[in-house]
Amino acid sequence: MIILKKNGKLQICVDYHKLNVQTKTNPFPLPFLDLVLDLVVGHKMYSFMDGYSGYNQIKMAKENKDKMTFIS
């Protein structure tokens, strides 16, 4: 839906309620960083994954792309 804002500009509004009902929740969400650091304190070695270059690069099945409003 496109609405006209008070300043005269257009704004795109999307209602995701139906999509949210179909979305599966993540049973294993990422923990807070302070909890992770508490768990690794005292170890001699640490390993990190590169989350920066992988951000926003999750592949989507072609048949599901029409469910998204935009692709970045």
N, C-alpha and C. Protein backbone atom coordinates (compact mmCIF):
# COMPACT_ATOMS: atom_id res chain seq x y z
N MET A 1 0.84 -1.16 0.00
CA MET A 1 0.00 0.00 0.00
C MET A 1 0.90 1.24 0.00
N ILE A 2 0.55 2.21 -0.77
CA ILE A 2 1.30 3.47 -0.81
C ILE A 2 0.41 4.55 -0.22
N ILE A 3 0.95 5.30 0.75
CA ILE A 3 0.18 6.37 1.37
C ILE A 3 0.89 7.71 1.16
N LEU A 4 0.13 8.76 1.28
CA LEU A 4 0.67 10.10 1.17
C LEU A 4 0.93 10.63 2.57
N LYS A 5 2.18 11.00 2.84
CA LYS A 5 2.55 11.52 4.15
C LYS A 5 2.13 12.99 4.26
N LYS A 6 2.15 13.53 5.49
CA LYS A 6 1.76 14.92 5.73
C LYS A 6 2.64 15.90 4.96
N ASN A 7 3.91 15.52 4.74
CA ASN A 7 4.82 16.42 4.03
C ASN A 7 4.69 16.30 2.50
N GLY A 8 3.74 15.51 2.02
CA GLY A 8 3.49 15.39 0.59
C GLY A 8 4.25 14.26 -0.08
N LYS A 9 5.16 13.61 0.63
CA LYS A 9 5.93 12.51 0.05
C LYS A 9 5.15 11.21 0.16
N LEU A 10 5.48 10.27 -0.71
CA LEU A 10 4.84 8.96 -0.69
C LEU A 10 5.61 8.01 0.21
N GLN A 11 4.89 7.11 0.87
CA GLN A 11 5.52 6.11 1.73
C GLN A 11 4.90 4.76 1.44
N ILE A 12 5.76 3.74 1.30
CA ILE A 12 5.29 2.37 1.07
C ILE A 12 5.06 1.70 2.42
N CYS A 13 3.89 1.14 2.61
CA CYS A 13 3.55 0.42 3.83
C CYS A 13 3.23 -1.02 3.47
N VAL A 14 3.75 -1.95 4.26
CA VAL A 14 3.54 -3.37 3.99
C VAL A 14 2.99 -4.03 5.25
N ASP A 15 1.95 -4.81 5.09
CA ASP A 15 1.37 -5.56 6.21
C ASP A 15 1.90 -6.99 6.15
N TYR A 16 2.76 -7.34 7.08
CA TYR A 16 3.40 -8.66 7.10
C TYR A 16 2.68 -9.66 8.00
N HIS A 17 1.48 -9.37 8.48
CA HIS A 17 0.80 -10.28 9.40
C HIS A 17 0.62 -11.68 8.81
N LYS A 18 0.17 -11.77 7.56
CA LYS A 18 -0.05 -13.09 6.94
C LYS A 18 1.26 -13.83 6.74
N LEU A 19 2.31 -13.11 6.37
CA LEU A 19 3.62 -13.73 6.20
C LEU A 19 4.18 -14.20 7.54
N ASN A 20 3.99 -13.40 8.59
CA ASN A 20 4.49 -13.76 9.92
C ASN A 20 3.83 -15.03 10.45
N VAL A 21 2.56 -15.24 10.12
CA VAL A 21 1.86 -16.45 10.56
C VAL A 21 2.51 -17.68 9.94
N GLN A 22 2.99 -17.56 8.69
CA GLN A 22 3.59 -18.67 7.98
C GLN A 22 5.07 -18.88 8.30
N THR A 23 5.69 -17.90 8.96
CA THR A 23 7.11 -17.95 9.23
C THR A 23 7.41 -18.84 10.44
N LYS A 24 8.38 -19.71 10.30
CA LYS A 24 8.80 -20.56 11.41
C LYS A 24 9.77 -19.78 12.30
N THR A 25 9.58 -19.87 13.60
CA THR A 25 10.48 -19.18 14.52
C THR A 25 11.76 -19.98 14.70
N ASN A 26 12.82 -19.30 15.05
CA ASN A 26 14.12 -19.93 15.24
C ASN A 26 14.19 -20.51 16.65
N PRO A 27 14.25 -21.84 16.80
CA PRO A 27 14.31 -22.42 18.15
C PRO A 27 15.68 -22.22 18.80
N PHE A 28 16.68 -21.81 18.04
CA PHE A 28 18.02 -21.61 18.57
C PHE A 28 18.53 -20.21 18.20
N PRO A 29 17.97 -19.16 18.81
CA PRO A 29 18.43 -17.81 18.47
C PRO A 29 19.86 -17.59 18.96
N LEU A 30 20.54 -16.63 18.34
CA LEU A 30 21.91 -16.32 18.74
C LEU A 30 21.92 -15.74 20.16
N PRO A 31 22.85 -16.18 20.99
CA PRO A 31 22.92 -15.65 22.36
C PRO A 31 23.52 -14.25 22.37
N PHE A 32 23.30 -13.54 23.47
CA PHE A 32 23.90 -12.22 23.64
C PHE A 32 25.41 -12.37 23.78
N LEU A 33 26.14 -11.39 23.28
CA LEU A 33 27.60 -11.44 23.26
C LEU A 33 28.17 -11.60 24.67
N ASP A 34 27.61 -10.93 25.67
CA ASP A 34 28.15 -11.04 27.02
C ASP A 34 28.02 -12.46 27.57
N LEU A 35 26.97 -13.19 27.17
CA LEU A 35 26.83 -14.58 27.60
C LEU A 35 27.89 -15.47 26.94
N VAL A 36 28.16 -15.20 25.67
CA VAL A 36 29.18 -15.97 24.95
C VAL A 36 30.55 -15.73 25.58
N LEU A 37 30.86 -14.47 25.86
CA LEU A 37 32.16 -14.15 26.45
C LEU A 37 32.31 -14.78 27.84
N ASP A 38 31.24 -14.85 28.60
CA ASP A 38 31.30 -15.52 29.91
C ASP A 38 31.63 -17.00 29.76
N LEU A 39 31.14 -17.63 28.68
CA LEU A 39 31.37 -19.05 28.47
C LEU A 39 32.80 -19.36 28.00
N VAL A 40 33.43 -18.43 27.28
CA VAL A 40 34.75 -18.72 26.72
C VAL A 40 35.91 -18.17 27.56
N VAL A 41 35.61 -17.45 28.61
CA VAL A 41 36.68 -16.86 29.41
C VAL A 41 37.56 -17.97 30.00
N GLY A 42 38.86 -17.76 29.94
CA GLY A 42 39.80 -18.72 30.50
C GLY A 42 40.34 -19.73 29.50
N HIS A 43 39.79 -19.79 28.32
CA HIS A 43 40.30 -20.71 27.30
C HIS A 43 41.54 -20.12 26.63
N LYS A 44 42.41 -20.99 26.13
CA LYS A 44 43.66 -20.54 25.52
C LYS A 44 43.48 -20.11 24.07
N MET A 45 42.43 -20.62 23.38
CA MET A 45 42.28 -20.37 21.96
C MET A 45 40.83 -19.99 21.65
N TYR A 46 40.67 -19.08 20.70
CA TYR A 46 39.34 -18.65 20.26
C TYR A 46 39.28 -18.73 18.74
N SER A 47 38.10 -18.94 18.21
CA SER A 47 37.91 -18.97 16.77
C SER A 47 36.69 -18.11 16.44
N PHE A 48 36.82 -17.28 15.41
CA PHE A 48 35.72 -16.40 15.03
C PHE A 48 35.32 -16.67 13.59
N MET A 49 34.01 -16.56 13.32
CA MET A 49 33.53 -16.66 11.95
C MET A 49 33.31 -15.25 11.42
N ASP A 50 33.47 -15.07 10.14
CA ASP A 50 33.31 -13.76 9.51
C ASP A 50 31.84 -13.50 9.24
N GLY A 51 31.17 -12.85 10.17
CA GLY A 51 29.76 -12.53 10.00
C GLY A 51 29.54 -11.29 9.16
N TYR A 52 30.59 -10.49 8.97
CA TYR A 52 30.42 -9.23 8.23
C TYR A 52 30.18 -9.49 6.74
N SER A 53 31.03 -10.28 6.12
CA SER A 53 30.89 -10.49 4.68
C SER A 53 29.72 -11.42 4.35
N GLY A 54 29.21 -12.15 5.32
CA GLY A 54 28.08 -13.03 5.07
C GLY A 54 26.74 -12.37 5.31
N TYR A 55 26.75 -11.15 5.85
CA TYR A 55 25.52 -10.45 6.17
C TYR A 55 24.73 -10.11 4.90
N ASN A 56 23.44 -10.31 4.94
CA ASN A 56 22.53 -10.04 3.82
C ASN A 56 22.87 -10.85 2.57
N GLN A 57 23.46 -12.01 2.73
CA GLN A 57 23.77 -12.85 1.58
C GLN A 57 23.12 -14.22 1.72
N ILE A 58 21.98 -14.27 2.37
CA ILE A 58 21.26 -15.54 2.54
C ILE A 58 20.46 -15.81 1.27
N LYS A 59 20.68 -16.96 0.66
CA LYS A 59 19.98 -17.30 -0.59
C LYS A 59 18.52 -17.63 -0.29
N MET A 60 17.67 -17.29 -1.22
CA MET A 60 16.25 -17.55 -1.09
C MET A 60 15.80 -18.39 -2.29
N ALA A 61 14.93 -19.34 -2.05
CA ALA A 61 14.42 -20.16 -3.14
C ALA A 61 13.65 -19.29 -4.13
N LYS A 62 13.82 -19.53 -5.41
CA LYS A 62 13.18 -18.71 -6.43
C LYS A 62 11.66 -18.65 -6.26
N GLU A 63 11.06 -19.77 -5.87
CA GLU A 63 9.61 -19.80 -5.72
C GLU A 63 9.10 -18.97 -4.54
N ASN A 64 10.00 -18.54 -3.66
CA ASN A 64 9.60 -17.73 -2.50
C ASN A 64 9.92 -16.24 -2.66
N LYS A 65 10.60 -15.86 -3.74
CA LYS A 65 11.00 -14.46 -3.92
C LYS A 65 9.80 -13.53 -4.08
N ASP A 66 8.68 -14.05 -4.61
CA ASP A 66 7.52 -13.18 -4.78
C ASP A 66 6.87 -12.82 -3.44
N LYS A 67 7.27 -13.47 -2.37
CA LYS A 67 6.73 -13.17 -1.04
C LYS A 67 7.42 -11.97 -0.40
N MET A 68 8.49 -11.51 -1.01
CA MET A 68 9.25 -10.37 -0.47
C MET A 68 8.83 -9.11 -1.21
N THR A 69 8.82 -8.00 -0.48
CA THR A 69 8.45 -6.73 -1.08
C THR A 69 9.57 -6.19 -1.95
N PHE A 70 10.80 -6.39 -1.51
CA PHE A 70 11.95 -5.89 -2.25
C PHE A 70 13.13 -6.83 -2.04
N ILE A 71 14.08 -6.77 -2.93
CA ILE A 71 15.30 -7.56 -2.83
C ILE A 71 16.46 -6.58 -2.82
N SER A 72 17.32 -6.71 -1.83
CA SER A 72 18.47 -5.80 -1.77
C SER A 72 19.73 -6.56 -2.08
